Amino acid sequence: MSHQHFKQSDRDEISILLKKGYSHREIADALGKDHSSVS
């Protein structure tokens, strides 16, 4: 399994979704990432 950092665009999307009240799991699903990588 390849480990990669989030791209800036992913970080921006995470920030927006957190402000909208999305859960970490919902954000991870939207980005196609494991939920443990979004915290």
N, C-alpha and C. Protein backbone atom coordinates (compact mmCIF):
# COMPACT_ATOMS: atom_id res chain seq x y z
N MET A 1 0.85 -1.17 0.00
CA MET A 1 0.00 0.00 0.00
C MET A 1 0.89 1.24 0.00
N SER A 2 0.58 2.18 -0.86
CA SER A 2 1.36 3.41 -0.98
C SER A 2 0.81 4.48 -0.06
N HIS A 3 1.68 5.10 0.71
CA HIS A 3 1.27 6.18 1.60
C HIS A 3 1.63 7.50 0.95
N GLN A 4 0.65 8.40 0.86
CA GLN A 4 0.90 9.69 0.25
C GLN A 4 0.30 10.78 1.12
N HIS A 5 0.90 11.94 1.04
CA HIS A 5 0.36 13.10 1.74
C HIS A 5 -0.84 13.62 0.97
N PHE A 6 -1.70 14.36 1.68
CA PHE A 6 -2.81 15.00 1.00
C PHE A 6 -2.30 16.12 0.11
N LYS A 7 -2.90 16.27 -1.05
CA LYS A 7 -2.60 17.41 -1.91
C LYS A 7 -3.24 18.64 -1.29
N GLN A 8 -2.78 19.81 -1.68
CA GLN A 8 -3.36 21.05 -1.15
C GLN A 8 -4.85 21.12 -1.45
N SER A 9 -5.25 20.65 -2.62
CA SER A 9 -6.67 20.68 -2.98
C SER A 9 -7.49 19.79 -2.04
N ASP A 10 -6.92 18.65 -1.62
CA ASP A 10 -7.60 17.79 -0.65
C ASP A 10 -7.73 18.49 0.70
N ARG A 11 -6.67 19.16 1.12
CA ARG A 11 -6.70 19.88 2.40
C ARG A 11 -7.75 20.98 2.38
N ASP A 12 -7.83 21.69 1.25
CA ASP A 12 -8.84 22.74 1.12
C ASP A 12 -10.24 22.15 1.21
N GLU A 13 -10.45 21.02 0.53
CA GLU A 13 -11.76 20.36 0.54
C GLU A 13 -12.11 19.89 1.95
N ILE A 14 -11.14 19.33 2.67
CA ILE A 14 -11.37 18.89 4.05
C ILE A 14 -11.81 20.08 4.90
N SER A 15 -11.11 21.19 4.76
CA SER A 15 -11.44 22.39 5.54
C SER A 15 -12.87 22.85 5.26
N ILE A 16 -13.23 22.89 4.00
CA ILE A 16 -14.58 23.33 3.61
C ILE A 16 -15.64 22.38 4.18
N LEU A 17 -15.41 21.09 4.04
CA LEU A 17 -16.40 20.11 4.50
C LEU A 17 -16.52 20.11 6.03
N LEU A 18 -15.40 20.30 6.74
CA LEU A 18 -15.47 20.39 8.20
C LEU A 18 -16.31 21.59 8.62
N LYS A 19 -16.13 22.72 7.94
CA LYS A 19 -16.91 23.92 8.26
C LYS A 19 -18.39 23.73 7.97
N LYS A 20 -18.70 22.85 7.01
CA LYS A 20 -20.10 22.56 6.68
C LYS A 20 -20.71 21.52 7.62
N GLY A 21 -19.88 20.96 8.52
CA GLY A 21 -20.39 20.02 9.51
C GLY A 21 -20.29 18.56 9.14
N TYR A 22 -19.54 18.25 8.09
CA TYR A 22 -19.37 16.85 7.71
C TYR A 22 -18.50 16.14 8.75
N SER A 23 -18.75 14.85 8.94
CA SER A 23 -17.92 14.06 9.85
C SER A 23 -16.62 13.67 9.14
N HIS A 24 -15.63 13.28 9.92
CA HIS A 24 -14.36 12.85 9.34
C HIS A 24 -14.57 11.65 8.42
N ARG A 25 -15.45 10.75 8.81
CA ARG A 25 -15.73 9.57 7.98
C ARG A 25 -16.38 9.96 6.65
N GLU A 26 -17.32 10.90 6.70
CA GLU A 26 -17.97 11.36 5.46
C GLU A 26 -16.96 12.03 4.53
N ILE A 27 -16.06 12.81 5.11
CA ILE A 27 -15.04 13.49 4.32
C ILE A 27 -14.10 12.46 3.68
N ALA A 28 -13.67 11.49 4.45
CA ALA A 28 -12.78 10.46 3.93
C ALA A 28 -13.45 9.71 2.78
N ASP A 29 -14.72 9.38 2.95
CA ASP A 29 -15.46 8.70 1.88
C ASP A 29 -15.51 9.56 0.62
N ALA A 30 -15.75 10.85 0.79
CA ALA A 30 -15.84 11.77 -0.35
C ALA A 30 -14.50 11.88 -1.09
N LEU A 31 -13.40 11.77 -0.35
CA LEU A 31 -12.07 11.90 -0.95
C LEU A 31 -11.48 10.56 -1.37
N GLY A 32 -12.17 9.47 -1.02
CA GLY A 32 -11.65 8.15 -1.35
C GLY A 32 -10.47 7.74 -0.49
N LYS A 33 -10.44 8.23 0.75
CA LYS A 33 -9.35 7.93 1.69
C LYS A 33 -9.89 7.13 2.87
N ASP A 34 -8.98 6.52 3.61
CA ASP A 34 -9.37 5.83 4.84
C ASP A 34 -9.77 6.86 5.89
N HIS A 35 -10.80 6.55 6.67
CA HIS A 35 -11.30 7.53 7.64
C HIS A 35 -10.26 7.90 8.69
N SER A 36 -9.33 7.01 8.96
CA SER A 36 -8.31 7.31 9.98
C SER A 36 -7.31 8.35 9.50
N SER A 37 -7.27 8.61 8.20
CA SER A 37 -6.33 9.61 7.68
C SER A 37 -6.87 11.03 7.77
N VAL A 38 -8.15 11.16 8.08
CA VAL A 38 -8.77 12.49 8.21
C VAL A 38 -9.06 12.73 9.68
N SER A 39 -8.32 13.64 10.28
CA SER A 39 -8.55 13.91 11.71
C SER A 39 -8.37 15.37 12.03
